[in-house]
Amino acid sequence: MVASSSRWPANPDQQVRRLISRRKRVALGRLHSSTRLMHELHFDLVDVVDIILEVERHFHLTIPDEVPVDTVGALMHYVRGHYPVASRA
């Protein structure tokens, strides 16, 4: 998958939400910045790691283990701060 693909929204936040929605079959309406992956979506650790790996592949970046990614917003924030196209948007 390429971030600039026409079937993906240009907004990186929307791309993160879409990745989670497609990978884990969660309705986009349930994915807000404050949505907690484990507590609200009932993801286990393997699910969270799977999402992190998918985000890393999609955006061609690495999220260090020490970065807290307990919410959808935490993933969005990391991508915005480390993905070149996102930081210019």
PDB file of N, CA and C in Angstrom:
ATOM      1  N   MET A   1       0.830  -1.181   0.000  1.00  0.00           N
ATOM      2  CA  MET A   1       0.000   0.000   0.000  1.00  0.00           C
ATOM      3  C   MET A   1       0.875   1.244   0.000  1.00  0.00           C
ATOM      4  N   VAL A   2       0.479   2.219  -0.743  1.00  0.00           N
ATOM      5  CA  VAL A   2       1.210   3.467  -0.822  1.00  0.00           C
ATOM      6  C   VAL A   2       0.317   4.565  -0.286  1.00  0.00           C
ATOM      7  N   ALA A   3       0.885   5.416   0.559  1.00  0.00           N
ATOM      8  CA  ALA A   3       0.101   6.451   1.224  1.00  0.00           C
ATOM      9  C   ALA A   3      -0.560   7.409   0.245  1.00  0.00           C
ATOM     10  N   SER A   4       0.048   7.625  -0.913  1.00  0.00           N
ATOM     11  CA  SER A   4      -0.514   8.580  -1.855  1.00  0.00           C
ATOM     12  C   SER A   4      -1.526   7.958  -2.809  1.00  0.00           C
ATOM     13  N   SER A   5      -1.835   6.701  -2.626  1.00  0.00           N
ATOM     14  CA  SER A   5      -2.795   6.019  -3.489  1.00  0.00           C
ATOM     15  C   SER A   5      -4.123   6.765  -3.489  1.00  0.00           C
ATOM     16  N   SER A   6      -4.787   6.794  -4.642  1.00  0.00           N
ATOM     17  CA  SER A   6      -6.024   7.562  -4.766  1.00  0.00           C
ATOM     18  C   SER A   6      -7.152   7.006  -3.902  1.00  0.00           C
ATOM     19  N   ARG A   7      -7.083   5.737  -3.511  1.00  0.00           N
ATOM     20  CA  ARG A   7      -8.150   5.193  -2.680  1.00  0.00           C
ATOM     21  C   ARG A   7      -7.948   5.482  -1.205  1.00  0.00           C
ATOM     22  N   TRP A   8      -6.850   6.103  -0.854  1.00  0.00           N
ATOM     23  CA  TRP A   8      -6.579   6.462   0.538  1.00  0.00           C
ATOM     24  C   TRP A   8      -6.752   7.955   0.712  1.00  0.00           C
ATOM     25  N   PRO A   9      -7.344   8.381   1.821  1.00  0.00           N
ATOM     26  CA  PRO A   9      -7.475   9.821   2.079  1.00  0.00           C
ATOM     27  C   PRO A   9      -6.092  10.463   2.201  1.00  0.00           C
ATOM     28  N   ALA A  10      -5.992  11.717   1.810  1.00  0.00           N
ATOM     29  CA  ALA A  10      -4.717  12.423   1.899  1.00  0.00           C
ATOM     30  C   ALA A  10      -4.339  12.700   3.353  1.00  0.00           C
ATOM     31  N   ASN A  11      -5.321  12.868   4.203  1.00  0.00           N
ATOM     32  CA  ASN A  11      -5.091  13.180   5.610  1.00  0.00           C
ATOM     33  C   ASN A  11      -4.530  11.951   6.332  1.00  0.00           C
ATOM     34  N   PRO A  12      -3.330  12.058   6.926  1.00  0.00           N
ATOM     35  CA  PRO A  12      -2.735  10.897   7.604  1.00  0.00           C
ATOM     36  C   PRO A  12      -3.572  10.383   8.776  1.00  0.00           C
ATOM     37  N   ASP A  13      -4.280  11.266   9.473  1.00  0.00           N
ATOM     38  CA  ASP A  13      -5.146  10.813  10.563  1.00  0.00           C
ATOM     39  C   ASP A  13      -6.231   9.880  10.027  1.00  0.00           C
ATOM     40  N   GLN A  14      -6.818  10.265   8.911  1.00  0.00           N
ATOM     41  CA  GLN A  14      -7.847   9.423   8.303  1.00  0.00           C
ATOM     42  C   GLN A  14      -7.250   8.107   7.807  1.00  0.00           C
ATOM     43  N   GLN A  15      -6.019   8.157   7.322  1.00  0.00           N
ATOM     44  CA  GLN A  15      -5.356   6.933   6.871  1.00  0.00           C
ATOM     45  C   GLN A  15      -5.137   5.970   8.036  1.00  0.00           C
ATOM     46  N   VAL A  16      -4.716   6.492   9.181  1.00  0.00           N
ATOM     47  CA  VAL A  16      -4.517   5.650  10.369  1.00  0.00           C
ATOM     48  C   VAL A  16      -5.842   5.011  10.763  1.00  0.00           C
ATOM     49  N   ARG A  17      -6.889   5.802  10.812  1.00  0.00           N
ATOM     50  CA  ARG A  17      -8.212   5.264  11.160  1.00  0.00           C
ATOM     51  C   ARG A  17      -8.642   4.187  10.169  1.00  0.00           C
ATOM     52  N   ARG A  18      -8.427   4.437   8.889  1.00  0.00           N
ATOM     53  CA  ARG A  18      -8.815   3.465   7.859  1.00  0.00           C
ATOM     54  C   ARG A  18      -8.010   2.175   7.989  1.00  0.00           C
ATOM     55  N   LEU A  19      -6.712   2.296   8.287  1.00  0.00           N
ATOM     56  CA  LEU A  19      -5.883   1.099   8.483  1.00  0.00           C
ATOM     57  C   LEU A  19      -6.415   0.236   9.621  1.00  0.00           C
ATOM     58  N   ILE A  20      -6.723   0.880  10.739  1.00  0.00           N
ATOM     59  CA  ILE A  20      -7.247   0.140  11.893  1.00  0.00           C
ATOM     60  C   ILE A  20      -8.590  -0.486  11.540  1.00  0.00           C
ATOM     61  N   SER A  21      -9.439   0.286  10.901  1.00  0.00           N
ATOM     62  CA  SER A  21     -10.767  -0.198  10.542  1.00  0.00           C
ATOM     63  C   SER A  21     -10.695  -1.426   9.642  1.00  0.00           C
ATOM     64  N   ARG A  22      -9.866  -1.356   8.630  1.00  0.00           N
ATOM     65  CA  ARG A  22      -9.757  -2.470   7.682  1.00  0.00           C
ATOM     66  C   ARG A  22      -9.053  -3.675   8.290  1.00  0.00           C
ATOM     67  N   ARG A  23      -7.997  -3.423   9.029  1.00  0.00           N
ATOM     68  CA  ARG A  23      -7.197  -4.529   9.565  1.00  0.00           C
ATOM     69  C   ARG A  23      -7.955  -5.302  10.638  1.00  0.00           C
ATOM     70  N   LYS A  24      -8.707  -4.590  11.478  1.00  0.00           N
ATOM     71  CA  LYS A  24      -9.374  -5.228  12.615  1.00  0.00           C
ATOM     72  C   LYS A  24     -10.894  -5.210  12.511  1.00  0.00           C
ATOM     73  N   ARG A  25     -11.407  -4.801  11.373  1.00  0.00           N
ATOM     74  CA  ARG A  25     -12.850  -4.800  11.128  1.00  0.00           C
ATOM     75  C   ARG A  25     -13.624  -4.039  12.216  1.00  0.00           C
ATOM     76  N   VAL A  26     -13.196  -2.806  12.422  1.00  0.00           N
ATOM     77  CA  VAL A  26     -13.839  -1.915  13.384  1.00  0.00           C
ATOM     78  C   VAL A  26     -14.465  -0.773  12.586  1.00  0.00           C
ATOM     79  N   ALA A  27     -15.691  -0.432  12.896  1.00  0.00           N
ATOM     80  CA  ALA A  27     -16.366   0.663  12.197  1.00  0.00           C
ATOM     81  C   ALA A  27     -15.600   1.968  12.399  1.00  0.00           C
ATOM     82  N   LEU A  28     -15.443   2.732  11.318  1.00  0.00           N
ATOM     83  CA  LEU A  28     -14.737   4.010  11.408  1.00  0.00           C
ATOM     84  C   LEU A  28     -15.351   4.925  12.460  1.00  0.00           C
ATOM     85  N   GLY A  29     -16.647   4.856  12.648  1.00  0.00           N
ATOM     86  CA  GLY A  29     -17.332   5.687  13.632  1.00  0.00           C
ATOM     87  C   GLY A  29     -16.904   5.427  15.066  1.00  0.00           C
ATOM     88  N   ARG A  30     -16.290   4.284  15.320  1.00  0.00           N
ATOM     89  CA  ARG A  30     -15.807   3.956  16.668  1.00  0.00           C
ATOM     90  C   ARG A  30     -14.377   4.425  16.898  1.00  0.00           C
ATOM     91  N   LEU A  31     -13.721   4.914  15.859  1.00  0.00           N
ATOM     92  CA  LEU A  31     -12.305   5.264  15.960  1.00  0.00           C
ATOM     93  C   LEU A  31     -12.122   6.774  16.053  1.00  0.00           C
ATOM     94  N   HIS A  32     -11.944   7.246  17.279  1.00  0.00           N
ATOM     95  CA  HIS A  32     -11.711   8.661  17.556  1.00  0.00           C
ATOM     96  C   HIS A  32     -10.326   8.800  18.182  1.00  0.00           C
ATOM     97  N   SER A  33      -9.823  10.005  18.259  1.00  0.00           N
ATOM     98  CA  SER A  33      -8.500  10.232  18.859  1.00  0.00           C
ATOM     99  C   SER A  33      -8.386   9.628  20.247  1.00  0.00           C
ATOM    100  N   SER A  34      -9.434   9.737  21.023  1.00  0.00           N
ATOM    101  CA  SER A  34      -9.381   9.277  22.414  1.00  0.00           C
ATOM    102  C   SER A  34      -9.704   7.792  22.582  1.00  0.00           C
ATOM    103  N   THR A  35     -10.043   7.108  21.499  1.00  0.00           N
ATOM    104  CA  THR A  35     -10.404   5.689  21.600  1.00  0.00           C
ATOM    105  C   THR A  35      -9.196   4.867  22.030  1.00  0.00           C
ATOM    106  N   ARG A  36      -9.356   4.170  23.151  1.00  0.00           N
ATOM    107  CA  ARG A  36      -8.269   3.333  23.680  1.00  0.00           C
ATOM    108  C   ARG A  36      -8.339   1.954  23.037  1.00  0.00           C
ATOM    109  N   LEU A  37      -7.226   1.557  22.459  1.00  0.00           N
ATOM    110  CA  LEU A  37      -7.186   0.315  21.686  1.00  0.00           C
ATOM    111  C   LEU A  37      -7.524  -0.913  22.521  1.00  0.00           C
ATOM    112  N   MET A  38      -6.953  -1.017  23.698  1.00  0.00           N
ATOM    113  CA  MET A  38      -7.161  -2.214  24.507  1.00  0.00           C
ATOM    114  C   MET A  38      -8.448  -2.135  25.330  1.00  0.00           C
ATOM    115  N   HIS A  39      -8.710  -0.988  25.925  1.00  0.00           N
ATOM    116  CA  HIS A  39      -9.837  -0.877  26.848  1.00  0.00           C
ATOM    117  C   HIS A  39     -11.181  -0.721  26.146  1.00  0.00           C
ATOM    118  N   GLU A  40     -11.224   0.072  25.101  1.00  0.00           N
ATOM    119  CA  GLU A  40     -12.501   0.318  24.434  1.00  0.00           C
ATOM    120  C   GLU A  40     -12.749  -0.611  23.250  1.00  0.00           C
ATOM    121  N   LEU A  41     -11.685  -0.938  22.523  1.00  0.00           N
ATOM    122  CA  LEU A  41     -11.846  -1.815  21.362  1.00  0.00           C
ATOM    123  C   LEU A  41     -11.558  -3.275  21.703  1.00  0.00           C
ATOM    124  N   HIS A  42     -11.088  -3.500  22.929  1.00  0.00           N
ATOM    125  CA  HIS A  42     -10.797  -4.852  23.422  1.00  0.00           C
ATOM    126  C   HIS A  42      -9.738  -5.568  22.587  1.00  0.00           C
ATOM    127  N   PHE A  43      -8.758  -4.791  22.091  1.00  0.00           N
ATOM    128  CA  PHE A  43      -7.632  -5.399  21.394  1.00  0.00           C
ATOM    129  C   PHE A  43      -6.711  -6.010  22.433  1.00  0.00           C
ATOM    130  N   ASP A  44      -6.101  -7.134  22.103  1.00  0.00           N
ATOM    131  CA  ASP A  44      -5.066  -7.673  22.975  1.00  0.00           C
ATOM    132  C   ASP A  44      -3.718  -7.161  22.461  1.00  0.00           C
ATOM    133  N   LEU A  45      -2.649  -7.549  23.135  1.00  0.00           N
ATOM    134  CA  LEU A  45      -1.320  -7.053  22.778  1.00  0.00           C
ATOM    135  C   LEU A  45      -0.954  -7.420  21.343  1.00  0.00           C
ATOM    136  N   VAL A  46      -1.324  -8.604  20.910  1.00  0.00           N
ATOM    137  CA  VAL A  46      -1.033  -9.029  19.534  1.00  0.00           C
ATOM    138  C   VAL A  46      -1.764  -8.131  18.534  1.00  0.00           C
ATOM    139  N   ASP A  47      -2.999  -7.764  18.832  1.00  0.00           N
ATOM    140  CA  ASP A  47      -3.750  -6.854  17.961  1.00  0.00           C
ATOM    141  C   ASP A  47      -3.059  -5.499  17.859  1.00  0.00           C
ATOM    142  N   VAL A  48      -2.610  -4.975  18.993  1.00  0.00           N
ATOM    143  CA  VAL A  48      -1.944  -3.665  19.008  1.00  0.00           C
ATOM    144  C   VAL A  48      -0.651  -3.728  18.207  1.00  0.00           C
ATOM    145  N   VAL A  49       0.131  -4.774  18.397  1.00  0.00           N
ATOM    146  CA  VAL A  49       1.379  -4.931  17.639  1.00  0.00           C
ATOM    147  C   VAL A  49       1.066  -5.042  16.147  1.00  0.00           C
ATOM    148  N   ASP A  50       0.030  -5.761  15.799  1.00  0.00           N
ATOM    149  CA  ASP A  50      -0.380  -5.901  14.401  1.00  0.00           C
ATOM    150  C   ASP A  50      -0.712  -4.539  13.790  1.00  0.00           C
ATOM    151  N   ILE A  51      -1.428  -3.713  14.532  1.00  0.00           N
ATOM    152  CA  ILE A  51      -1.772  -2.368  14.059  1.00  0.00           C
ATOM    153  C   ILE A  51      -0.508  -1.526  13.899  1.00  0.00           C
ATOM    154  N   ILE A  52       0.381  -1.580  14.874  1.00  0.00           N
ATOM    155  CA  ILE A  52       1.631  -0.813  14.794  1.00  0.00           C
ATOM    156  C   ILE A  52       2.420  -1.224  13.555  1.00  0.00           C
ATOM    157  N   LEU A  53       2.554  -2.516  13.327  1.00  0.00           N
ATOM    158  CA  LEU A  53       3.291  -2.998  12.155  1.00  0.00           C
ATOM    159  C   LEU A  53       2.634  -2.542  10.856  1.00  0.00           C
ATOM    160  N   GLU A  54       1.327  -2.552  10.818  1.00  0.00           N
ATOM    161  CA  GLU A  54       0.609  -2.105   9.620  1.00  0.00           C
ATOM    162  C   GLU A  54       0.838  -0.609   9.376  1.00  0.00           C
ATOM    163  N   VAL A  55       0.790   0.197  10.436  1.00  0.00           N
ATOM    164  CA  VAL A  55       1.054   1.636  10.310  1.00  0.00           C
ATOM    165  C   VAL A  55       2.494   1.858   9.849  1.00  0.00           C
ATOM    166  N   GLU A  56       3.432   1.119  10.422  1.00  0.00           N
ATOM    167  CA  GLU A  56       4.836   1.247  10.015  1.00  0.00           C
ATOM    168  C   GLU A  56       5.016   0.916   8.538  1.00  0.00           C
ATOM    169  N   ARG A  57       4.410  -0.157   8.080  1.00  0.00           N
ATOM    170  CA  ARG A  57       4.514  -0.547   6.659  1.00  0.00           C
ATOM    171  C   ARG A  57       3.883   0.502   5.751  1.00  0.00           C
ATOM    172  N   HIS A  58       2.713   0.948   6.118  1.00  0.00           N
ATOM    173  CA  HIS A  58       1.977   1.888   5.274  1.00  0.00           C
ATOM    174  C   HIS A  58       2.711   3.221   5.125  1.00  0.00           C
ATOM    175  N   PHE A  59       3.243   3.726   6.228  1.00  0.00           N
ATOM    176  CA  PHE A  59       3.890   5.039   6.211  1.00  0.00           C
ATOM    177  C   PHE A  59       5.408   4.961   6.076  1.00  0.00           C
ATOM    178  N   HIS A  60       5.962   3.761   5.972  1.00  0.00           N
ATOM    179  CA  HIS A  60       7.407   3.568   5.830  1.00  0.00           C
ATOM    180  C   HIS A  60       8.177   4.265   6.955  1.00  0.00           C
ATOM    181  N   LEU A  61       7.775   3.977   8.177  1.00  0.00           N
ATOM    182  CA  LEU A  61       8.459   4.524   9.344  1.00  0.00           C
ATOM    183  C   LEU A  61       8.535   3.451  10.420  1.00  0.00           C
ATOM    184  N   THR A  62       9.297   3.732  11.460  1.00  0.00           N
ATOM    185  CA  THR A  62       9.439   2.811  12.586  1.00  0.00           C
ATOM    186  C   THR A  62       8.959   3.507  13.847  1.00  0.00           C
ATOM    187  N   ILE A  63       8.087   2.846  14.579  1.00  0.00           N
ATOM    188  CA  ILE A  63       7.605   3.367  15.853  1.00  0.00           C
ATOM    189  C   ILE A  63       8.372   2.627  16.944  1.00  0.00           C
ATOM    190  N   PRO A  64       9.240   3.334  17.690  1.00  0.00           N
ATOM    191  CA  PRO A  64      10.030   2.668  18.732  1.00  0.00           C
ATOM    192  C   PRO A  64       9.142   2.044  19.809  1.00  0.00           C
ATOM    193  N   ASP A  65       9.648   0.977  20.416  1.00  0.00           N
ATOM    194  CA  ASP A  65       8.895   0.259  21.451  1.00  0.00           C
ATOM    195  C   ASP A  65       8.498   1.152  22.622  1.00  0.00           C
ATOM    196  N   GLU A  66       9.318   2.147  22.928  1.00  0.00           N
ATOM    197  CA  GLU A  66       9.044   2.983  24.097  1.00  0.00           C
ATOM    198  C   GLU A  66       7.980   4.060  23.843  1.00  0.00           C
ATOM    199  N   VAL A  67       7.529   4.213  22.610  1.00  0.00           N
ATOM    200  CA  VAL A  67       6.488   5.194  22.298  1.00  0.00           C
ATOM    201  C   VAL A  67       5.129   4.622  22.709  1.00  0.00           C
ATOM    202  N   PRO A  68       4.411   5.316  23.595  1.00  0.00           N
ATOM    203  CA  PRO A  68       3.095   4.810  24.011  1.00  0.00           C
ATOM    204  C   PRO A  68       2.071   4.982  22.881  1.00  0.00           C
ATOM    205  N   VAL A  69       1.452   3.888  22.500  1.00  0.00           N
ATOM    206  CA  VAL A  69       0.423   3.933  21.458  1.00  0.00           C
ATOM    207  C   VAL A  69      -0.836   3.239  21.982  1.00  0.00           C
ATOM    208  N   ASP A  70      -1.352   3.791  23.066  1.00  0.00           N
ATOM    209  CA  ASP A  70      -2.525   3.184  23.692  1.00  0.00           C
ATOM    210  C   ASP A  70      -3.842   3.694  23.121  1.00  0.00           C
ATOM    211  N   THR A  71      -3.791   4.766  22.344  1.00  0.00           N
ATOM    212  CA  THR A  71      -5.007   5.313  21.737  1.00  0.00           C
ATOM    213  C   THR A  71      -4.821   5.487  20.233  1.00  0.00           C
ATOM    214  N   VAL A  72      -5.931   5.633  19.543  1.00  0.00           N
ATOM    215  CA  VAL A  72      -5.887   5.930  18.112  1.00  0.00           C
ATOM    216  C   VAL A  72      -5.155   7.251  17.903  1.00  0.00           C
ATOM    217  N   GLY A  73      -5.421   8.220  18.763  1.00  0.00           N
ATOM    218  CA  GLY A  73      -4.779   9.527  18.667  1.00  0.00           C
ATOM    219  C   GLY A  73      -3.274   9.475  18.842  1.00  0.00           C
ATOM    220  N   ALA A  74      -2.788   8.568  19.677  1.00  0.00           N
ATOM    221  CA  ALA A  74      -1.341   8.432  19.867  1.00  0.00           C
ATOM    222  C   ALA A  74      -0.678   7.976  18.571  1.00  0.00           C
ATOM    223  N   LEU A  75      -1.315   7.064  17.867  1.00  0.00           N
ATOM    224  CA  LEU A  75      -0.789   6.638  16.564  1.00  0.00           C
ATOM    225  C   LEU A  75      -0.827   7.795  15.568  1.00  0.00           C
ATOM    226  N   MET A  76      -1.937   8.523  15.539  1.00  0.00           N
ATOM    227  CA  MET A  76      -2.064   9.666  14.636  1.00  0.00           C
ATOM    228  C   MET A  76      -0.979  10.702  14.923  1.00  0.00           C
ATOM    229  N   HIS A  77      -0.789  10.994  16.201  1.00  0.00           N
ATOM    230  CA  HIS A  77       0.196  11.990  16.614  1.00  0.00           C
ATOM    231  C   HIS A  77       1.603  11.580  16.177  1.00  0.00           C
ATOM    232  N   TYR A  78       1.946  10.319  16.376  1.00  0.00           N
ATOM    233  CA  TYR A  78       3.277   9.855  15.985  1.00  0.00           C
ATOM    234  C   TYR A  78       3.462   9.974  14.473  1.00  0.00           C
ATOM    235  N   VAL A  79       2.470   9.556  13.716  1.00  0.00           N
ATOM    236  CA  VAL A  79       2.575   9.636  12.255  1.00  0.00           C
ATOM    237  C   VAL A  79       2.727  11.088  11.813  1.00  0.00           C
ATOM    238  N   ARG A  80       1.907  11.989  12.360  1.00  0.00           N
ATOM    239  CA  ARG A  80       2.006  13.412  11.991  1.00  0.00           C
ATOM    240  C   ARG A  80       3.387  13.971  12.273  1.00  0.00           C
ATOM    241  N   GLY A  81       4.006  13.536  13.353  1.00  0.00           N
ATOM    242  CA  GLY A  81       5.311  14.063  13.726  1.00  0.00           C
ATOM    243  C   GLY A  81       6.491  13.440  13.007  1.00  0.00           C
ATOM    244  N   HIS A  82       6.274  12.286  12.361  1.00  0.00           N
ATOM    245  CA  HIS A  82       7.409  11.567  11.783  1.00  0.00           C
ATOM    246  C   HIS A  82       7.264  11.210  10.315  1.00  0.00           C
ATOM    247  N   TYR A  83       6.127  11.481   9.735  1.00  0.00           N
ATOM    248  CA  TYR A  83       5.922  11.167   8.324  1.00  0.00           C
ATOM    249  C   TYR A  83       6.048  12.463   7.542  1.00  0.00           C
ATOM    250  N   PRO A  84       7.002  12.565   6.607  1.00  0.00           N
ATOM    251  CA  PRO A  84       7.281  13.841   5.930  1.00  0.00           C
ATOM    252  C   PRO A  84       6.060  14.508   5.303  1.00  0.00           C
ATOM    253  N   VAL A  85       5.215  13.769   4.623  1.00  0.00           N
ATOM    254  CA  VAL A  85       4.038  14.371   3.989  1.00  0.00           C
ATOM    255  C   VAL A  85       3.077  14.890   5.046  1.00  0.00           C
ATOM    256  N   ALA A  86       2.939  14.160   6.144  1.00  0.00           N
ATOM    257  CA  ALA A  86       2.015  14.554   7.211  1.00  0.00           C
ATOM    258  C   ALA A  86       2.457  15.842   7.874  1.00  0.00           C
ATOM    259  N   SER A  87       3.757  16.024   8.063  1.00  0.00           N
ATOM    260  CA  SER A  87       4.228  17.218   8.759  1.00  0.00           C
ATOM    261  C   SER A  87       4.080  18.469   7.905  1.00  0.00           C
ATOM    262  N   ARG A  88       3.915  18.320   6.594  1.00  0.00           N
ATOM    263  CA  ARG A  88       3.698  19.470   5.721  1.00  0.00           C
ATOM    264  C   ARG A  88       2.225  19.788   5.555  1.00  0.00           C
ATOM    265  N   ALA A  89       1.357  18.850   5.929  1.00  0.00           N
ATOM    266  CA  ALA A  89      -0.087  19.038   5.717  1.00  0.00           C
ATOM    267  C   ALA A  89      -0.665  20.033   6.689  1.00  0.00           C
TER     268      ALA A  89
END
